[in-house]
PDB file of N, CA and C in Angstrom:
ATOM      1  N   MET A   1       7.758 -27.459 -18.860  1.00  0.00           N
ATOM      2  CA  MET A   1       6.942 -28.680 -18.448  1.00  0.00           C
ATOM      3  C   MET A   1       7.273 -29.859 -19.809  1.00  0.00           C
ATOM      4  N   LYS A   2       6.799 -30.768 -19.468  1.00  0.00           N
ATOM      5  CA  LYS A   2       6.793 -31.562 -20.245  1.00  0.00           C
ATOM      6  C   LYS A   2       5.045 -32.099 -20.511  1.00  0.00           C
ATOM      7  N   TRP A   3       5.468 -33.124 -21.716  1.00  0.00           N
ATOM      8  CA  TRP A   3       3.928 -33.710 -21.815  1.00  0.00           C
ATOM      9  C   TRP A   3       3.378 -33.999 -21.325  1.00  0.00           C
ATOM     10  N   TYR A   4       4.042 -34.826 -19.907  1.00  0.00           N
ATOM     11  CA  TYR A   4       3.793 -36.128 -19.182  1.00  0.00           C
ATOM     12  C   TYR A   4       3.267 -35.455 -18.023  1.00  0.00           C
ATOM     13  N   HIS A   5       4.423 -34.158 -17.840  1.00  0.00           N
ATOM     14  CA  HIS A   5       3.186 -32.955 -16.178  1.00  0.00           C
ATOM     15  C   HIS A   5       2.099 -32.859 -17.266  1.00  0.00           C
ATOM     16  N   PHE A   6       1.661 -32.453 -18.590  1.00  0.00           N
ATOM     17  CA  PHE A   6       0.373 -32.560 -18.852  1.00  0.00           C
ATOM     18  C   PHE A   6      -0.303 -33.264 -18.607  1.00  0.00           C
ATOM     19  N   GLY A   7      -0.334 -34.940 -18.930  1.00  0.00           N
ATOM     20  CA  GLY A   7      -1.038 -36.024 -19.020  1.00  0.00           C
ATOM     21  C   GLY A   7      -1.192 -35.793 -17.028  1.00  0.00           C
ATOM     22  N   ALA A   8      -0.134 -35.605 -16.621  1.00  0.00           N
ATOM     23  CA  ALA A   8      -0.977 -36.427 -15.256  1.00  0.00           C
ATOM     24  C   ALA A   8      -1.947 -34.842 -14.421  1.00  0.00           C
ATOM     25  N   ILE A   9      -1.912 -33.574 -14.931  1.00  0.00           N
ATOM     26  CA  ILE A   9      -2.329 -32.760 -14.747  1.00  0.00           C
ATOM     27  C   ILE A   9      -4.208 -32.936 -15.311  1.00  0.00           C
ATOM     28  N   LEU A  10      -3.839 -33.532 -16.284  1.00  0.00           N
ATOM     29  CA  LEU A  10      -5.106 -33.824 -16.893  1.00  0.00           C
ATOM     30  C   LEU A  10      -5.605 -34.892 -16.392  1.00  0.00           C
ATOM     31  N   ILE A  11      -4.654 -35.710 -15.602  1.00  0.00           N
ATOM     32  CA  ILE A  11      -5.654 -37.183 -15.236  1.00  0.00           C
ATOM     33  C   ILE A  11      -5.926 -36.570 -13.708  1.00  0.00           C
ATOM     34  N   TYR A  12      -5.365 -34.922 -13.304  1.00  0.00           N
ATOM     35  CA  TYR A  12      -5.865 -34.579 -11.729  1.00  0.00           C
ATOM     36  C   TYR A  12      -7.774 -34.012 -12.177  1.00  0.00           C
ATOM     37  N   GLY A  13      -7.271 -33.759 -13.309  1.00  0.00           N
ATOM     38  CA  GLY A  13      -8.656 -32.494 -13.278  1.00  0.00           C
ATOM     39  C   GLY A  13      -9.955 -33.502 -13.422  1.00  0.00           C
ATOM     40  N   SER A  14      -9.297 -34.825 -14.355  1.00  0.00           N
ATOM     41  CA  SER A  14     -10.484 -36.234 -14.430  1.00  0.00           C
ATOM     42  C   SER A  14     -10.959 -35.804 -13.476  1.00  0.00           C
ATOM     43  N   ALA A  15      -9.698 -36.605 -12.371  1.00  0.00           N
ATOM     44  CA  ALA A  15     -10.525 -37.302 -11.027  1.00  0.00           C
ATOM     45  C   ALA A  15     -10.984 -35.913  -9.875  1.00  0.00           C
ATOM     46  N   ILE A  16     -10.538 -34.511 -10.229  1.00  0.00           N
ATOM     47  CA  ILE A  16     -11.107 -33.521  -9.433  1.00  0.00           C
ATOM     48  C   ILE A  16     -12.913 -33.316 -10.039  1.00  0.00           C
ATOM     49  N   LEU A  17     -13.382 -33.593 -11.497  1.00  0.00           N
ATOM     50  CA  LEU A  17     -13.926 -33.505 -11.863  1.00  0.00           C
ATOM     51  C   LEU A  17     -15.220 -34.636 -10.903  1.00  0.00           C
ATOM     52  N   TYR A  18     -14.313 -35.914 -10.958  1.00  0.00           N
ATOM     53  CA  TYR A  18     -15.451 -36.347 -10.581  1.00  0.00           C
ATOM     54  C   TYR A  18     -15.621 -36.634  -8.657  1.00  0.00           C
ATOM     55  N   PHE A  19     -14.534 -36.734  -8.467  1.00  0.00           N
ATOM     56  CA  PHE A  19     -14.781 -36.759  -6.964  1.00  0.00           C
ATOM     57  C   PHE A  19     -15.999 -34.820  -6.503  1.00  0.00           C
ATOM     58  N   GLY A  20     -15.555 -34.331  -7.173  1.00  0.00           N
ATOM     59  CA  GLY A  20     -16.017 -32.684  -6.843  1.00  0.00           C
ATOM     60  C   GLY A  20     -17.822 -33.734  -7.165  1.00  0.00           C
ATOM     61  N   TYR A  21     -17.830 -33.603  -8.710  1.00  0.00           N
ATOM     62  CA  TYR A  21     -19.239 -34.124  -8.516  1.00  0.00           C
ATOM     63  C   TYR A  21     -20.069 -35.284  -7.866  1.00  0.00           C
ATOM     64  N   GLN A  22     -19.555 -35.921  -7.318  1.00  0.00           N
ATOM     65  CA  GLN A  22     -19.466 -37.001  -6.249  1.00  0.00           C
ATOM     66  C   GLN A  22     -20.284 -36.317  -4.987  1.00  0.00           C
ATOM     67  N   SER A  23     -19.147 -35.139  -4.513  1.00  0.00           N
ATOM     68  CA  SER A  23     -19.290 -34.295  -3.454  1.00  0.00           C
ATOM     69  C   SER A  23     -20.715 -33.567  -3.238  1.00  0.00           C
ATOM     70  N   TYR A  24     -20.909 -32.718  -4.918  1.00  0.00           N
ATOM     71  CA  TYR A  24     -22.282 -32.477  -4.621  1.00  0.00           C
ATOM     72  C   TYR A  24     -23.081 -33.731  -4.736  1.00  0.00           C
ATOM     73  N   LEU A  25     -23.275 -34.480  -5.500  1.00  0.00           N
ATOM     74  CA  LEU A  25     -24.198 -35.624  -4.823  1.00  0.00           C
ATOM     75  C   LEU A  25     -24.650 -35.936  -3.614  1.00  0.00           C
ATOM     76  N   GLN A  26     -23.557 -35.606  -2.858  1.00  0.00           N
ATOM     77  CA  GLN A  26     -23.713 -36.223  -1.697  1.00  0.00           C
ATOM     78  C   GLN A  26     -24.355 -34.703  -0.743  1.00  0.00           C
ATOM     79  N   LEU A  27     -23.384 -34.016  -1.315  1.00  0.00           N
ATOM     80  CA  LEU A  27     -23.890 -32.813  -0.151  1.00  0.00           C
ATOM     81  C   LEU A  27     -26.001 -32.405  -0.266  1.00  0.00           C
ATOM     82  N   TYR A  28     -25.882 -32.583  -1.820  1.00  0.00           N
ATOM     83  CA  TYR A  28     -27.155 -32.771  -2.034  1.00  0.00           C
ATOM     84  C   TYR A  28     -28.538 -33.795  -1.431  1.00  0.00           C
ATOM     85  N   VAL A  29     -27.908 -35.149  -1.121  1.00  0.00           N
ATOM     86  CA  VAL A  29     -28.581 -35.471  -0.377  1.00  0.00           C
ATOM     87  C   VAL A  29     -28.515 -35.562   1.185  1.00  0.00           C
ATOM     88  N   TYR A  30     -27.588 -35.027   1.923  1.00  0.00           N
ATOM     89  CA  TYR A  30     -27.262 -34.969   2.860  1.00  0.00           C
ATOM     90  C   TYR A  30     -28.392 -33.988   3.416  1.00  0.00           C
ATOM     91  N   PHE A  31     -28.206 -32.273   2.192  1.00  0.00           N
ATOM     92  CA  PHE A  31     -29.383 -31.369   2.924  1.00  0.00           C
ATOM     93  C   PHE A  31     -30.583 -31.295   2.368  1.00  0.00           C
ATOM     94  N   ALA A  32     -30.641 -32.408   1.492  1.00  0.00           N
ATOM     95  CA  ALA A  32     -32.154 -32.813   0.793  1.00  0.00           C
ATOM     96  C   ALA A  32     -32.591 -34.185   2.312  1.00  0.00           C
ATOM     97  N   ASN A  33     -32.383 -34.912   2.775  1.00  0.00           N
ATOM     98  CA  ASN A  33     -32.577 -35.662   3.791  1.00  0.00           C
ATOM     99  C   ASN A  33     -32.927 -34.769   5.364  1.00  0.00           C
ATOM    100  N   LYS A  34     -31.530 -34.165   5.607  1.00  0.00           N
ATOM    101  CA  LYS A  34     -32.638 -33.301   6.777  1.00  0.00           C
ATOM    102  C   LYS A  34     -33.262 -32.360   6.843  1.00  0.00           C
ATOM    103  N   SER A  35     -33.085 -31.615   5.407  1.00  0.00           N
ATOM    104  CA  SER A  35     -35.160 -31.111   5.639  1.00  0.00           C
ATOM    105  C   SER A  35     -36.139 -31.167   5.293  1.00  0.00           C
ATOM    106  N   LEU A  36     -35.745 -33.091   5.140  1.00  0.00           N
ATOM    107  CA  LEU A  36     -37.040 -33.717   5.502  1.00  0.00           C
ATOM    108  C   LEU A  36     -36.911 -34.218   7.107  1.00  0.00           C
ATOM    109  N   GLY A  37     -35.740 -34.028   7.992  1.00  0.00           N
ATOM    110  CA  GLY A  37     -36.099 -34.777   8.674  1.00  0.00           C
ATOM    111  C   GLY A  37     -35.418 -35.927   9.463  1.00  0.00           C
ATOM    112  N   HIS A  38     -34.391 -36.569   8.402  1.00  0.00           N
ATOM    113  CA  HIS A  38     -33.707 -37.786   8.248  1.00  0.00           C
ATOM    114  C   HIS A  38     -32.662 -37.374   9.538  1.00  0.00           C
ATOM    115  N   GLU A  39     -31.737 -38.408   9.595  1.00  0.00           N
ATOM    116  CA  GLU A  39     -30.567 -38.286  10.013  1.00  0.00           C
ATOM    117  C   GLU A  39     -29.944 -38.886   9.110  1.00  0.00           C
ATOM    118  N   GLU A  40     -28.990 -38.393   8.791  1.00  0.00           N
ATOM    119  CA  GLU A  40     -27.658 -38.091   7.900  1.00  0.00           C
ATOM    120  C   GLU A  40     -26.471 -37.490   8.250  1.00  0.00           C
ATOM    121  N   SER A  41     -25.409 -38.694   8.013  1.00  0.00           N
ATOM    122  CA  SER A  41     -23.921 -38.630   8.583  1.00  0.00           C
ATOM    123  C   SER A  41     -23.427 -37.426   7.524  1.00  0.00           C
ATOM    124  N   PHE A  42     -22.677 -36.856   7.771  1.00  0.00           N
ATOM    125  CA  PHE A  42     -21.708 -35.813   6.623  1.00  0.00           C
ATOM    126  C   PHE A  42     -20.635 -36.620   6.457  1.00  0.00           C
ATOM    127  N   SER A  43     -20.149 -37.439   7.058  1.00  0.00           N
ATOM    128  CA  SER A  43     -18.950 -38.289   6.755  1.00  0.00           C
ATOM    129  C   SER A  43     -18.408 -38.521   5.025  1.00  0.00           C
ATOM    130  N   MET A  44     -19.701 -38.750   4.507  1.00  0.00           N
ATOM    131  CA  MET A  44     -19.676 -39.160   2.662  1.00  0.00           C
ATOM    132  C   MET A  44     -18.970 -37.779   1.710  1.00  0.00           C
ATOM    133  N   ALA A  45     -19.996 -36.979   2.211  1.00  0.00           N
ATOM    134  CA  ALA A  45     -20.177 -35.226   1.579  1.00  0.00           C
ATOM    135  C   ALA A  45     -18.787 -34.747   1.923  1.00  0.00           C
ATOM    136  N   GLY A  46     -18.186 -34.746   3.210  1.00  0.00           N
ATOM    137  CA  GLY A  46     -17.128 -34.940   3.780  1.00  0.00           C
ATOM    138  C   GLY A  46     -15.689 -34.945   3.321  1.00  0.00           C
ATOM    139  N   LYS A  47     -16.173 -36.566   2.983  1.00  0.00           N
ATOM    140  CA  LYS A  47     -14.482 -37.656   2.147  1.00  0.00           C
ATOM    141  C   LYS A  47     -14.386 -37.043   1.079  1.00  0.00           C
ATOM    142  N   TYR A  48     -15.642 -36.720  -0.041  1.00  0.00           N
ATOM    143  CA  TYR A  48     -15.514 -36.382  -1.302  1.00  0.00           C
ATOM    144  C   TYR A  48     -15.056 -34.578  -0.877  1.00  0.00           C
ATOM    145  N   LEU A  49     -15.368 -34.266  -0.413  1.00  0.00           N
ATOM    146  CA  LEU A  49     -15.151 -32.265  -0.376  1.00  0.00           C
ATOM    147  C   LEU A  49     -13.536 -32.948   0.185  1.00  0.00           C
ATOM    148  N   GLY A  50     -13.048 -32.975   1.113  1.00  0.00           N
ATOM    149  CA  GLY A  50     -11.291 -32.911   1.215  1.00  0.00           C
ATOM    150  C   GLY A  50     -10.367 -33.992   0.123  1.00  0.00           C
ATOM    151  N   LEU A  51     -11.458 -35.083  -0.682  1.00  0.00           N
ATOM    152  CA  LEU A  51     -10.215 -35.451  -1.399  1.00  0.00           C
ATOM    153  C   LEU A  51     -10.218 -34.739  -2.904  1.00  0.00           C
ATOM    154  N   THR A  52     -11.989 -33.613  -2.694  1.00  0.00           N
ATOM    155  CA  THR A  52     -11.456 -33.110  -3.526  1.00  0.00           C
ATOM    156  C   THR A  52     -10.343 -31.909  -3.284  1.00  0.00           C
ATOM    157  N   THR A  53     -10.497 -31.304  -2.316  1.00  0.00           N
ATOM    158  CA  THR A  53      -9.737 -30.145  -1.820  1.00  0.00           C
ATOM    159  C   THR A  53      -8.522 -30.604  -1.996  1.00  0.00           C
ATOM    160  N   VAL A  54      -7.958 -31.778  -1.304  1.00  0.00           N
ATOM    161  CA  VAL A  54      -6.247 -31.904  -1.690  1.00  0.00           C
ATOM    162  C   VAL A  54      -5.966 -32.501  -3.220  1.00  0.00           C
ATOM    163  N   LEU A  55      -7.044 -33.135  -4.101  1.00  0.00           N
ATOM    164  CA  LEU A  55      -6.161 -32.993  -5.148  1.00  0.00           C
ATOM    165  C   LEU A  55      -6.112 -31.915  -5.866  1.00  0.00           C
ATOM    166  N   ILE A  56      -7.130 -30.550  -5.574  1.00  0.00           N
ATOM    167  CA  ILE A  56      -6.992 -29.150  -6.196  1.00  0.00           C
ATOM    168  C   ILE A  56      -5.255 -28.676  -5.440  1.00  0.00           C
ATOM    169  N   ALA A  57      -5.333 -28.737  -4.546  1.00  0.00           N
ATOM    170  CA  ALA A  57      -4.056 -28.570  -3.945  1.00  0.00           C
ATOM    171  C   ALA A  57      -2.743 -28.789  -4.324  1.00  0.00           C
ATOM    172  N   MET A  58      -2.946 -30.141  -4.506  1.00  0.00           N
ATOM    173  CA  MET A  58      -1.659 -31.002  -5.076  1.00  0.00           C
ATOM    174  C   MET A  58      -1.513 -30.755  -6.791  1.00  0.00           C
ATOM    175  N   SER A  59      -2.881 -30.413  -7.246  1.00  0.00           N
ATOM    176  CA  SER A  59      -2.552 -30.095  -8.803  1.00  0.00           C
ATOM    177  C   SER A  59      -2.161 -28.706  -8.888  1.00  0.00           C
ATOM    178  N   VAL A  60      -2.663 -27.780  -8.493  1.00  0.00           N
ATOM    179  CA  VAL A  60      -2.126 -25.857  -8.806  1.00  0.00           C
ATOM    180  C   VAL A  60      -0.779 -26.147  -8.026  1.00  0.00           C
ATOM    181  N   GLY A  61      -0.518 -26.778  -6.794  1.00  0.00           N
ATOM    182  CA  GLY A  61       0.554 -26.720  -5.705  1.00  0.00           C
ATOM    183  C   GLY A  61       1.851 -27.242  -6.795  1.00  0.00           C
ATOM    184  N   GLY A  62       2.099 -28.045  -7.879  1.00  0.00           N
ATOM    185  CA  GLY A  62       2.658 -28.615  -8.528  1.00  0.00           C
ATOM    186  C   GLY A  62       3.064 -27.978  -9.210  1.00  0.00           C
ATOM    187  N   TRP A  63       1.716 -27.978 -10.395  1.00  0.00           N
ATOM    188  CA  TRP A  63       1.446 -27.001 -11.114  1.00  0.00           C
ATOM    189  C   TRP A  63       2.846 -25.886 -11.537  1.00  0.00           C
ATOM    190  N   TYR A  64       2.140 -25.072 -10.035  1.00  0.00           N
ATOM    191  CA  TYR A  64       2.701 -23.107  -9.734  1.00  0.00           C
ATOM    192  C   TYR A  64       4.190 -24.051  -9.949  1.00  0.00           C
ATOM    193  N   LEU A  65       4.685 -24.762  -9.077  1.00  0.00           N
ATOM    194  CA  LEU A  65       6.013 -24.548  -8.312  1.00  0.00           C
ATOM    195  C   LEU A  65       7.100 -25.145 -10.120  1.00  0.00           C
ATOM    196  N   MET A  66       6.528 -25.700 -11.047  1.00  0.00           N
ATOM    197  CA  MET A  66       7.058 -26.908 -12.152  1.00  0.00           C
ATOM    198  C   MET A  66       7.015 -25.360 -12.849  1.00  0.00           C
ATOM    199  N   LYS A  67       6.245 -24.476 -12.889  1.00  0.00           N
ATOM    200  CA  LYS A  67       6.252 -23.260 -14.047  1.00  0.00           C
ATOM    201  C   LYS A  67       6.857 -22.224 -13.792  1.00  0.00           C
ATOM    202  N   TYR A  68       6.640 -21.384 -12.501  1.00  0.00           N
ATOM    203  CA  TYR A  68       7.030 -20.403 -12.365  1.00  0.00           C
ATOM    204  C   TYR A  68       8.483 -20.262 -11.501  1.00  0.00           C
ATOM    205  N   THR A  69       8.432 -21.516 -10.556  1.00  0.00           N
ATOM    206  CA  THR A  69       9.670 -21.063 -10.124  1.00  0.00           C
ATOM    207  C   THR A  69      10.897 -22.421 -10.248  1.00  0.00           C
ATOM    208  N   SER A  70      11.561 -21.785  -9.666  1.00  0.00           N
ATOM    209  CA  SER A  70      12.863 -23.197 -10.049  1.00  0.00           C
ATOM    210  C   SER A  70      13.121 -24.613  -9.418  1.00  0.00           C
ATOM    211  N   MET A  71      12.121 -24.674  -8.389  1.00  0.00           N
ATOM    212  CA  MET A  71      11.717 -25.800  -7.305  1.00  0.00           C
ATOM    213  C   MET A  71      11.021 -27.025  -8.363  1.00  0.00           C
ATOM    214  N   THR A  72      11.669 -27.285 -10.087  1.00  0.00           N
ATOM    215  CA  THR A  72      10.769 -28.096 -10.742  1.00  0.00           C
ATOM    216  C   THR A  72      10.502 -29.578  -9.865  1.00  0.00           C
ATOM    217  N   LYS A  73      11.614 -29.540  -9.498  1.00  0.00           N
ATOM    218  CA  LYS A  73      11.727 -31.097  -8.703  1.00  0.00           C
ATOM    219  C   LYS A  73      11.112 -31.409  -7.347  1.00  0.00           C
ATOM    220  N   LEU A  74      10.518 -30.362  -6.883  1.00  0.00           N
ATOM    221  CA  LEU A  74       9.793 -30.615  -5.291  1.00  0.00           C
ATOM    222  C   LEU A  74       8.294 -30.153  -6.419  1.00  0.00           C
ATOM    223  N   GLY A  75       8.283 -29.562  -7.320  1.00  0.00           N
ATOM    224  CA  GLY A  75       7.094 -29.637  -7.806  1.00  0.00           C
ATOM    225  C   GLY A  75       6.893 -30.835  -8.801  1.00  0.00           C
ATOM    226  N   ASN A  76       7.766 -31.874  -9.095  1.00  0.00           N
ATOM    227  CA  ASN A  76       7.562 -33.150  -9.737  1.00  0.00           C
ATOM    228  C   ASN A  76       6.903 -33.986  -8.697  1.00  0.00           C
ATOM    229  N   VAL A  77       7.826 -33.817  -7.528  1.00  0.00           N
ATOM    230  CA  VAL A  77       7.093 -34.828  -6.374  1.00  0.00           C
ATOM    231  C   VAL A  77       6.234 -34.404  -5.578  1.00  0.00           C
ATOM    232  N   ILE A  78       5.321 -33.277  -5.635  1.00  0.00           N
ATOM    233  CA  ILE A  78       3.961 -33.060  -5.271  1.00  0.00           C
ATOM    234  C   ILE A  78       3.151 -33.329  -6.630  1.00  0.00           C
ATOM    235  N   LEU A  79       3.785 -33.523  -7.419  1.00  0.00           N
ATOM    236  CA  LEU A  79       2.653 -33.929  -9.009  1.00  0.00           C
ATOM    237  C   LEU A  79       3.043 -35.421  -9.064  1.00  0.00           C
ATOM    238  N   PHE A  80       3.425 -35.621  -8.981  1.00  0.00           N
ATOM    239  CA  PHE A  80       3.799 -37.547  -9.323  1.00  0.00           C
ATOM    240  C   PHE A  80       3.293 -38.370  -7.507  1.00  0.00           C
ATOM    241  N   PHE A  81       3.200 -37.353  -6.537  1.00  0.00           N
ATOM    242  CA  PHE A  81       3.167 -38.390  -5.072  1.00  0.00           C
ATOM    243  C   PHE A  81       1.645 -39.478  -5.994  1.00  0.00           C
ATOM    244  N   PRO A  82       0.997 -39.329  -5.545  1.00  0.00           N
ATOM    245  CA  PRO A  82      -0.320 -40.025  -5.972  1.00  0.00           C
ATOM    246  C   PRO A  82       0.363 -41.442  -6.641  1.00  0.00           C
ATOM    247  N   PHE A  83       0.384 -41.050  -7.968  1.00  0.00           N
ATOM    248  CA  PHE A  83       0.992 -41.941  -9.138  1.00  0.00           C
ATOM    249  C   PHE A  83       2.590 -42.957  -8.087  1.00  0.00           C
ATOM    250  N   ILE A  84       2.889 -43.018  -7.668  1.00  0.00           N
ATOM    251  CA  ILE A  84       4.425 -43.376  -6.684  1.00  0.00           C
ATOM    252  C   ILE A  84       2.819 -44.274  -5.493  1.00  0.00           C
ATOM    253  N   VAL A  85       2.852 -43.447  -4.816  1.00  0.00           N
ATOM    254  CA  VAL A  85       2.017 -44.186  -4.037  1.00  0.00           C
ATOM    255  C   VAL A  85       0.824 -45.413  -4.520  1.00  0.00           C
ATOM    256  N   ILE A  86       0.318 -44.806  -5.848  1.00  0.00           N
ATOM    257  CA  ILE A  86       0.028 -46.417  -6.596  1.00  0.00           C
ATOM    258  C   ILE A  86       0.580 -47.533  -7.551  1.00  0.00           C
ATOM    259  N   GLY A  87       1.533 -46.797  -7.777  1.00  0.00           N
ATOM    260  CA  GLY A  87       2.687 -47.910  -8.059  1.00  0.00           C
ATOM    261  C   GLY A  87       3.153 -48.720  -6.618  1.00  0.00           C
ATOM    262  N   LEU A  88       3.739 -48.149  -5.497  1.00  0.00           N
ATOM    263  CA  LEU A  88       4.047 -48.843  -4.729  1.00  0.00           C
ATOM    264  C   LEU A  88       3.095 -50.035  -4.225  1.00  0.00           C
ATOM    265  N   PHE A  89       1.686 -49.722  -3.756  1.00  0.00           N
ATOM    266  CA  PHE A  89       0.552 -50.249  -3.891  1.00  0.00           C
ATOM    267  C   PHE A  89       0.498 -51.437  -4.815  1.00  0.00           C
ATOM    268  N   ALA A  90       0.548 -51.067  -6.016  1.00  0.00           N
ATOM    269  CA  ALA A  90       0.562 -52.089  -6.845  1.00  0.00           C
ATOM    270  C   ALA A  90       1.189 -53.959  -6.499  1.00  0.00           C
ATOM    271  N   LEU A  91       2.823 -52.650  -6.899  1.00  0.00           N
ATOM    272  CA  LEU A  91       3.936 -53.971  -6.468  1.00  0.00           C
ATOM    273  C   LEU A  91       4.334 -54.673  -5.396  1.00  0.00           C
ATOM    274  N   TRP A  92       3.404 -53.726  -4.794  1.00  0.00           N
ATOM    275  CA  TRP A  92       3.105 -54.235  -3.087  1.00  0.00           C
ATOM    276  C   TRP A  92       2.151 -55.941  -3.103  1.00  0.00           C
ATOM    277  N   ALA A  93       1.080 -55.316  -3.988  1.00  0.00           N
ATOM    278  CA  ALA A  93       0.065 -56.838  -4.262  1.00  0.00           C
ATOM    279  C   ALA A  93       0.405 -57.643  -4.611  1.00  0.00           C
ATOM    280  N   ILE A  94       1.308 -56.998  -5.943  1.00  0.00           N
ATOM    281  CA  ILE A  94       2.196 -58.356  -6.861  1.00  0.00           C
ATOM    282  C   ILE A  94       2.973 -59.147  -5.998  1.00  0.00           C
ATOM    283  N   ILE A  95       3.624 -58.550  -5.307  1.00  0.00           N
ATOM    284  CA  ILE A  95       4.668 -59.377  -4.360  1.00  0.00           C
ATOM    285  C   ILE A  95       3.698 -60.252  -3.223  1.00  0.00           C
ATOM    286  N   LEU A  96       2.767 -60.099  -2.574  1.00  0.00           N
ATOM    287  CA  LEU A  96       2.029 -60.578  -1.841  1.00  0.00           C
ATOM    288  C   LEU A  96       1.285 -61.624  -2.669  1.00  0.00           C
ATOM    289  N   ILE A  97       0.356 -61.870  -3.803  1.00  0.00           N
ATOM    290  CA  ILE A  97       0.332 -62.216  -4.674  1.00  0.00           C
ATOM    291  C   ILE A  97       1.066 -63.795  -5.049  1.00  0.00           C
ATOM    292  N   LEU A  98       2.018 -63.333  -5.440  1.00  0.00           N
ATOM    293  CA  LEU A  98       3.049 -64.288  -6.076  1.00  0.00           C
ATOM    294  C   LEU A  98       3.946 -65.062  -5.125  1.00  0.00           C
ATOM    295  N   SER A  99       4.276 -64.212  -3.905  1.00  0.00           N
ATOM    296  CA  SER A  99       4.401 -64.844  -2.412  1.00  0.00           C
ATOM    297  C   SER A  99       3.781 -65.372  -1.710  1.00  0.00           C
ATOM    298  N   SER A 100       2.951 -65.866  -1.874  1.00  0.00           N
ATOM    299  CA  SER A 100       1.901 -66.856  -1.259  1.00  0.00           C
ATOM    300  C   SER A 100       1.049 -67.897  -2.244  1.00  0.00           C
ATOM    301  N   GLY A 101       1.418 -68.219  -3.141  1.00  0.00           N
ATOM    302  CA  GLY A 101       1.351 -69.160  -3.933  1.00  0.00           C
ATOM    303  C   GLY A 101      -0.179 -68.713  -4.591  1.00  0.00           C
ATOM    304  N   GLY A 102      -0.546 -67.419  -4.607  1.00  0.00           N
ATOM    305  CA  GLY A 102      -1.873 -67.028  -5.851  1.00  0.00           C
ATOM    306  C   GLY A 102      -3.117 -66.938  -4.690  1.00  0.00           C
ATOM    307  N   LYS A 103      -2.754 -66.780  -3.397  1.00  0.00           N
ATOM    308  CA  LYS A 103      -3.700 -66.761  -2.121  1.00  0.00           C
ATOM    309  C   LYS A 103      -3.779 -65.677  -1.555  1.00  0.00           C
ATOM    310  N   TRP A 104      -4.228 -65.312  -1.155  1.00  0.00           N
ATOM    311  CA  TRP A 104      -4.988 -63.720  -0.294  1.00  0.00           C
ATOM    312  C   TRP A 104      -4.348 -64.248   1.361  1.00  0.00           C
ATOM    313  N   ASN A 105      -5.258 -65.517   1.752  1.00  0.00           N
ATOM    314  CA  ASN A 105      -5.259 -65.745   3.084  1.00  0.00           C
ATOM    315  C   ASN A 105      -3.707 -66.738   2.896  1.00  0.00           C
TER     316      ASN A 105
END
């Protein structure tokens, strides 16, 4: 594993801590409001829990594939997939802004 793999895993870890903390807060609010008799949607807590679970699975899966098997290319794809998606979205936004004369509409 190279240094940028550890950097990607560090970014994953930071995101996992953030979204895990947010899911904890949303679950606390959900159960506190339920105990007070208020109607509360589980959607925000579920979104944060789902995102945390996906990030954990991708980081552990990518790390395991690169560290313990001979499938390093698949591990790289799994580990860097979110960064590729973010980069493509940023490129799309830049092309959209430049091709429309600086206006969104």
